[in-house]
Amino acid sequence: MAATLNISVDQGSNLTVNFPLTNADGSTFDLTGYSARAQVRQTFGASTALVDASTTNAKLSIASGTVTWQLVPADTANEHFPAADDASIDLVYDLKVTSPGGQVYTAASGTFSVNRAVTR
């Protein structure tokens, strides 16, 4: 079920990322009753999440076997990311789904690149 998907977002922009989940046979995975959470961190070992999205805070939604992540400009604002003059910042993320019974699965993971912006 886990997939690698690298995400690239322009700082201060909206972005919708869809994660369609399928069973081994290619059929749609039944996400009825599931919840989801995704976090972006500077490194795998970082203690602070730079972006925290979940079905609880409505930044993630689940419908028809797909988890949808709605990023808004505030998610990639400067105060969330380390100061740097680099054109982009490469971070890491993963997306976890939790079954109604409490089993947790990693649905997707990868890099999360923020392309720096000048206009604020």
N, C-alpha and C. Protein backbone atom coordinates (compact mmCIF):
# COMPACT_ATOMS: atom_id res chain seq x y z
N MET A 1 0.82 -1.19 0.00
CA MET A 1 0.00 0.00 0.00
C MET A 1 0.86 1.25 0.00
N ALA A 2 2.07 1.25 0.58
CA ALA A 2 2.91 2.45 0.63
C ALA A 2 3.45 2.79 -0.75
N ALA A 3 3.46 4.07 -1.06
CA ALA A 3 3.97 4.54 -2.34
C ALA A 3 4.93 5.69 -2.10
N THR A 4 5.88 5.86 -3.00
CA THR A 4 6.77 7.00 -2.94
C THR A 4 6.24 8.06 -3.89
N LEU A 5 5.99 9.24 -3.35
CA LEU A 5 5.51 10.35 -4.16
C LEU A 5 6.24 11.59 -3.68
N ASN A 6 7.04 12.18 -4.55
CA ASN A 6 7.75 13.40 -4.21
C ASN A 6 6.87 14.60 -4.55
N ILE A 7 6.77 15.53 -3.60
CA ILE A 7 5.90 16.69 -3.74
C ILE A 7 6.76 17.94 -3.90
N SER A 8 6.36 18.81 -4.81
CA SER A 8 7.02 20.09 -5.00
C SER A 8 5.96 21.18 -4.98
N VAL A 9 6.15 22.18 -4.12
CA VAL A 9 5.17 23.25 -3.98
C VAL A 9 5.89 24.59 -4.07
N ASP A 10 5.26 25.54 -4.73
CA ASP A 10 5.77 26.91 -4.78
C ASP A 10 5.35 27.60 -3.49
N GLN A 11 6.31 28.20 -2.81
CA GLN A 11 6.04 28.85 -1.53
C GLN A 11 4.93 29.88 -1.69
N GLY A 12 3.99 29.86 -0.75
CA GLY A 12 2.90 30.82 -0.75
C GLY A 12 1.80 30.52 -1.75
N SER A 13 1.76 29.30 -2.27
CA SER A 13 0.75 28.92 -3.26
C SER A 13 -0.15 27.81 -2.72
N ASN A 14 -1.29 27.67 -3.35
CA ASN A 14 -2.19 26.56 -3.06
C ASN A 14 -1.73 25.34 -3.86
N LEU A 15 -1.90 24.17 -3.28
CA LEU A 15 -1.59 22.93 -3.99
C LEU A 15 -2.50 21.84 -3.45
N THR A 16 -3.06 21.06 -4.35
CA THR A 16 -3.86 19.89 -3.99
C THR A 16 -3.10 18.66 -4.42
N VAL A 17 -2.88 17.73 -3.49
CA VAL A 17 -2.19 16.49 -3.78
C VAL A 17 -3.15 15.34 -3.48
N ASN A 18 -3.38 14.49 -4.47
CA ASN A 18 -4.25 13.33 -4.30
C ASN A 18 -3.42 12.06 -4.14
N PHE A 19 -3.81 11.25 -3.19
CA PHE A 19 -3.17 9.97 -2.94
C PHE A 19 -4.23 8.87 -3.13
N PRO A 20 -4.40 8.36 -4.36
CA PRO A 20 -5.35 7.26 -4.56
C PRO A 20 -4.74 5.97 -4.01
N LEU A 21 -5.46 5.29 -3.13
CA LEU A 21 -4.97 4.07 -2.51
C LEU A 21 -5.66 2.86 -3.14
N THR A 22 -4.87 1.86 -3.49
CA THR A 22 -5.41 0.67 -4.13
C THR A 22 -4.93 -0.59 -3.42
N ASN A 23 -5.68 -1.63 -3.60
CA ASN A 23 -5.30 -2.94 -3.11
C ASN A 23 -4.28 -3.55 -4.07
N ALA A 24 -3.69 -4.67 -3.68
CA ALA A 24 -2.69 -5.34 -4.51
C ALA A 24 -3.23 -5.70 -5.90
N ASP A 25 -4.52 -5.96 -6.00
CA ASP A 25 -5.11 -6.33 -7.29
C ASP A 25 -5.51 -5.11 -8.12
N GLY A 26 -5.22 -3.90 -7.62
CA GLY A 26 -5.53 -2.68 -8.35
C GLY A 26 -6.89 -2.08 -8.04
N SER A 27 -7.69 -2.77 -7.27
CA SER A 27 -9.00 -2.24 -6.90
C SER A 27 -8.85 -1.13 -5.87
N THR A 28 -9.85 -0.28 -5.78
CA THR A 28 -9.84 0.84 -4.84
C THR A 28 -9.85 0.34 -3.41
N PHE A 29 -8.96 0.88 -2.58
CA PHE A 29 -8.88 0.52 -1.17
C PHE A 29 -10.04 1.18 -0.44
N ASP A 30 -10.76 0.41 0.36
CA ASP A 30 -11.91 0.94 1.11
C ASP A 30 -11.41 1.70 2.34
N LEU A 31 -11.56 3.02 2.32
CA LEU A 31 -11.11 3.87 3.42
C LEU A 31 -12.26 4.30 4.34
N THR A 32 -13.36 3.58 4.29
CA THR A 32 -14.51 3.92 5.13
C THR A 32 -14.09 3.87 6.60
N GLY A 33 -14.32 4.97 7.31
CA GLY A 33 -14.02 5.04 8.73
C GLY A 33 -12.57 5.34 9.06
N TYR A 34 -11.72 5.47 8.06
CA TYR A 34 -10.30 5.74 8.28
C TYR A 34 -10.08 7.22 8.59
N SER A 35 -8.99 7.51 9.26
CA SER A 35 -8.51 8.87 9.43
C SER A 35 -7.11 8.93 8.80
N ALA A 36 -6.58 10.13 8.63
CA ALA A 36 -5.27 10.28 8.00
C ALA A 36 -4.51 11.44 8.64
N ARG A 37 -3.18 11.32 8.58
CA ARG A 37 -2.31 12.38 9.09
C ARG A 37 -1.04 12.41 8.26
N ALA A 38 -0.57 13.61 7.95
CA ALA A 38 0.70 13.80 7.23
C ALA A 38 1.50 14.87 7.94
N GLN A 39 2.81 14.67 7.97
CA GLN A 39 3.70 15.67 8.54
C GLN A 39 4.89 15.88 7.62
N VAL A 40 5.37 17.13 7.60
CA VAL A 40 6.58 17.50 6.89
C VAL A 40 7.60 17.89 7.95
N ARG A 41 8.81 17.35 7.82
CA ARG A 41 9.89 17.66 8.75
C ARG A 41 11.15 17.99 7.96
N GLN A 42 12.06 18.70 8.60
CA GLN A 42 13.31 19.06 7.94
C GLN A 42 14.14 17.82 7.63
N THR A 43 14.18 16.88 8.57
CA THR A 43 14.86 15.60 8.38
C THR A 43 14.01 14.53 9.06
N PHE A 44 14.35 13.27 8.81
CA PHE A 44 13.62 12.19 9.45
C PHE A 44 13.72 12.25 10.97
N GLY A 45 14.83 12.72 11.49
CA GLY A 45 15.04 12.76 12.94
C GLY A 45 14.61 14.05 13.61
N ALA A 46 14.12 15.02 12.82
CA ALA A 46 13.72 16.32 13.40
C ALA A 46 12.56 16.15 14.37
N SER A 47 12.62 16.85 15.49
CA SER A 47 11.57 16.73 16.49
C SER A 47 10.35 17.60 16.19
N THR A 48 10.51 18.61 15.35
CA THR A 48 9.42 19.54 15.06
C THR A 48 8.85 19.31 13.67
N ALA A 49 7.54 19.22 13.59
CA ALA A 49 6.86 19.14 12.29
C ALA A 49 6.70 20.56 11.74
N LEU A 50 7.10 20.77 10.51
CA LEU A 50 6.97 22.08 9.87
C LEU A 50 5.58 22.27 9.30
N VAL A 51 4.95 21.19 8.87
CA VAL A 51 3.57 21.19 8.39
C VAL A 51 2.90 19.97 9.02
N ASP A 52 1.72 20.17 9.56
CA ASP A 52 0.97 19.08 10.18
C ASP A 52 -0.44 19.09 9.59
N ALA A 53 -0.77 18.05 8.87
CA ALA A 53 -2.08 17.97 8.22
C ALA A 53 -2.78 16.70 8.69
N SER A 54 -4.09 16.80 8.87
CA SER A 54 -4.85 15.63 9.30
C SER A 54 -6.31 15.77 8.88
N THR A 55 -7.03 14.67 9.00
CA THR A 55 -8.47 14.75 8.78
C THR A 55 -9.12 15.52 9.93
N THR A 56 -8.48 15.56 11.09
CA THR A 56 -9.00 16.31 12.24
C THR A 56 -8.94 17.81 12.00
N ASN A 57 -7.82 18.31 11.42
CA ASN A 57 -7.73 19.76 11.17
C ASN A 57 -8.20 20.14 9.76
N ALA A 58 -8.77 19.18 9.05
CA ALA A 58 -9.40 19.38 7.74
C ALA A 58 -8.42 19.75 6.63
N LYS A 59 -7.13 19.54 6.83
CA LYS A 59 -6.16 19.75 5.75
C LYS A 59 -6.07 18.50 4.88
N LEU A 60 -6.55 17.37 5.41
CA LEU A 60 -6.67 16.13 4.65
C LEU A 60 -8.13 15.73 4.62
N SER A 61 -8.55 15.17 3.49
CA SER A 61 -9.91 14.63 3.40
C SER A 61 -9.83 13.26 2.74
N ILE A 62 -10.83 12.45 3.00
CA ILE A 62 -10.87 11.09 2.45
C ILE A 62 -12.19 10.90 1.74
N ALA A 63 -12.11 10.43 0.49
CA ALA A 63 -13.32 10.11 -0.28
C ALA A 63 -12.96 9.13 -1.39
N SER A 64 -13.78 8.13 -1.55
CA SER A 64 -13.65 7.17 -2.66
C SER A 64 -12.25 6.59 -2.80
N GLY A 65 -11.64 6.15 -1.72
CA GLY A 65 -10.34 5.52 -1.80
C GLY A 65 -9.18 6.46 -2.03
N THR A 66 -9.40 7.76 -1.89
CA THR A 66 -8.34 8.75 -2.12
C THR A 66 -8.23 9.67 -0.91
N VAL A 67 -6.99 9.90 -0.48
CA VAL A 67 -6.73 10.91 0.53
C VAL A 67 -6.28 12.16 -0.23
N THR A 68 -6.89 13.29 0.06
CA THR A 68 -6.56 14.55 -0.60
C THR A 68 -5.98 15.52 0.42
N TRP A 69 -4.82 16.09 0.06
CA TRP A 69 -4.11 17.05 0.91
C TRP A 69 -4.26 18.42 0.27
N GLN A 70 -4.87 19.35 0.99
CA GLN A 70 -5.05 20.72 0.52
C GLN A 70 -4.03 21.61 1.22
N LEU A 71 -2.99 22.01 0.49
CA LEU A 71 -2.01 22.94 1.03
C LEU A 71 -2.45 24.35 0.69
N VAL A 72 -2.35 25.24 1.68
CA VAL A 72 -2.72 26.64 1.48
C VAL A 72 -1.46 27.49 1.68
N PRO A 73 -1.45 28.75 1.24
CA PRO A 73 -0.25 29.58 1.36
C PRO A 73 0.38 29.60 2.76
N ALA A 74 -0.43 29.61 3.79
CA ALA A 74 0.11 29.66 5.16
C ALA A 74 0.95 28.42 5.50
N ASP A 75 0.68 27.29 4.84
CA ASP A 75 1.45 26.07 5.11
C ASP A 75 2.90 26.18 4.69
N THR A 76 3.17 27.04 3.72
CA THR A 76 4.55 27.17 3.23
C THR A 76 5.12 28.56 3.49
N ALA A 77 4.53 29.27 4.44
CA ALA A 77 5.03 30.60 4.79
C ALA A 77 6.45 30.52 5.34
N ASN A 78 7.19 31.60 5.23
CA ASN A 78 8.59 31.64 5.65
C ASN A 78 8.84 31.17 7.08
N GLU A 79 7.95 31.51 7.99
CA GLU A 79 8.20 31.19 9.39
C GLU A 79 8.25 29.68 9.67
N HIS A 80 7.77 28.88 8.74
CA HIS A 80 7.79 27.43 8.92
C HIS A 80 9.13 26.78 8.55
N PHE A 81 9.95 27.48 7.80
CA PHE A 81 11.12 26.84 7.20
C PHE A 81 12.41 27.52 7.63
N PRO A 82 13.49 26.77 7.67
CA PRO A 82 14.77 27.34 8.06
C PRO A 82 15.20 28.47 7.14
N ALA A 83 15.79 29.50 7.71
CA ALA A 83 16.27 30.62 6.90
C ALA A 83 17.37 30.14 5.96
N ALA A 84 17.23 30.51 4.71
CA ALA A 84 18.23 30.14 3.71
C ALA A 84 17.99 30.97 2.46
N ASP A 85 19.01 31.13 1.67
CA ASP A 85 18.86 31.82 0.41
C ASP A 85 18.78 30.83 -0.75
N ASP A 86 18.61 29.58 -0.43
CA ASP A 86 18.50 28.55 -1.48
C ASP A 86 17.21 28.76 -2.27
N ALA A 87 17.24 28.38 -3.52
CA ALA A 87 16.07 28.50 -4.38
C ALA A 87 14.96 27.55 -3.96
N SER A 88 15.34 26.45 -3.31
CA SER A 88 14.34 25.51 -2.81
C SER A 88 14.88 24.84 -1.55
N ILE A 89 13.97 24.29 -0.80
CA ILE A 89 14.32 23.56 0.41
C ILE A 89 13.77 22.15 0.26
N ASP A 90 14.60 21.16 0.47
CA ASP A 90 14.16 19.77 0.37
C ASP A 90 13.94 19.21 1.77
N LEU A 91 12.72 18.78 2.02
CA LEU A 91 12.30 18.25 3.30
C LEU A 91 11.78 16.83 3.09
N VAL A 92 11.25 16.21 4.13
CA VAL A 92 10.67 14.88 4.02
C VAL A 92 9.26 14.88 4.61
N TYR A 93 8.43 13.96 4.14
CA TYR A 93 7.07 13.83 4.66
C TYR A 93 6.67 12.36 4.61
N ASP A 94 5.62 12.05 5.34
CA ASP A 94 4.91 10.81 5.10
C ASP A 94 3.43 11.01 5.42
N LEU A 95 2.64 10.10 4.89
CA LEU A 95 1.19 10.12 5.07
C LEU A 95 0.81 8.80 5.70
N LYS A 96 0.15 8.86 6.84
CA LYS A 96 -0.31 7.66 7.54
C LYS A 96 -1.84 7.64 7.54
N VAL A 97 -2.39 6.45 7.36
CA VAL A 97 -3.83 6.27 7.49
C VAL A 97 -4.06 5.32 8.66
N THR A 98 -5.13 5.57 9.39
CA THR A 98 -5.46 4.76 10.56
C THR A 98 -6.84 4.15 10.36
N SER A 99 -6.90 2.83 10.50
CA SER A 99 -8.16 2.11 10.33
C SER A 99 -9.08 2.37 11.52
N PRO A 100 -10.37 2.07 11.36
CA PRO A 100 -11.29 2.23 12.49
C PRO A 100 -10.86 1.39 13.70
N GLY A 101 -10.13 0.30 13.48
CA GLY A 101 -9.65 -0.55 14.56
C GLY A 101 -8.34 -0.08 15.18
N GLY A 102 -7.76 1.01 14.64
CA GLY A 102 -6.54 1.58 15.20
C GLY A 102 -5.24 1.13 14.55
N GLN A 103 -5.31 0.33 13.49
CA GLN A 103 -4.09 -0.08 12.78
C GLN A 103 -3.61 1.09 11.92
N VAL A 104 -2.31 1.37 11.98
CA VAL A 104 -1.72 2.50 11.26
C VAL A 104 -0.89 1.97 10.09
N TYR A 105 -1.09 2.57 8.92
CA TYR A 105 -0.37 2.19 7.71
C TYR A 105 0.27 3.43 7.09
N THR A 106 1.47 3.29 6.58
CA THR A 106 2.09 4.37 5.81
C THR A 106 1.59 4.24 4.39
N ALA A 107 0.83 5.23 3.94
CA ALA A 107 0.25 5.20 2.61
C ALA A 107 1.20 5.78 1.57
N ALA A 108 1.98 6.78 1.96
CA ALA A 108 2.90 7.43 1.02
C ALA A 108 4.00 8.15 1.80
N SER A 109 5.12 8.35 1.14
CA SER A 109 6.21 9.11 1.72
C SER A 109 7.09 9.62 0.59
N GLY A 110 7.98 10.55 0.92
CA GLY A 110 8.89 11.07 -0.09
C GLY A 110 9.47 12.40 0.31
N THR A 111 10.00 13.09 -0.68
CA THR A 111 10.54 14.41 -0.42
C THR A 111 9.42 15.44 -0.56
N PHE A 112 9.59 16.55 0.12
CA PHE A 112 8.65 17.67 0.08
C PHE A 112 9.49 18.90 -0.19
N SER A 113 9.50 19.34 -1.42
CA SER A 113 10.35 20.48 -1.83
C SER A 113 9.53 21.75 -1.87
N VAL A 114 10.04 22.78 -1.22
CA VAL A 114 9.42 24.10 -1.25
C VAL A 114 10.28 24.99 -2.12
N ASN A 115 9.71 25.45 -3.23
CA ASN A 115 10.39 26.37 -4.14
C ASN A 115 10.18 27.77 -3.59
N ARG A 116 11.27 28.39 -3.15
CA ARG A 116 11.21 29.70 -2.49
C ARG A 116 10.57 30.77 -3.37
N ALA A 117 9.90 31.69 -2.69
CA ALA A 117 9.25 32.81 -3.37
C ALA A 117 9.83 34.12 -2.85
N VAL A 118 9.75 35.14 -3.67
CA VAL A 118 10.19 36.47 -3.29
C VAL A 118 8.99 37.29 -2.83
N THR A 119 7.88 37.18 -3.54
CA THR A 119 6.67 37.94 -3.22
C THR A 119 6.01 37.34 -1.98
N ARG A 120 5.69 38.21 -1.02
CA ARG A 120 5.05 37.75 0.23
C ARG A 120 3.70 38.39 0.38
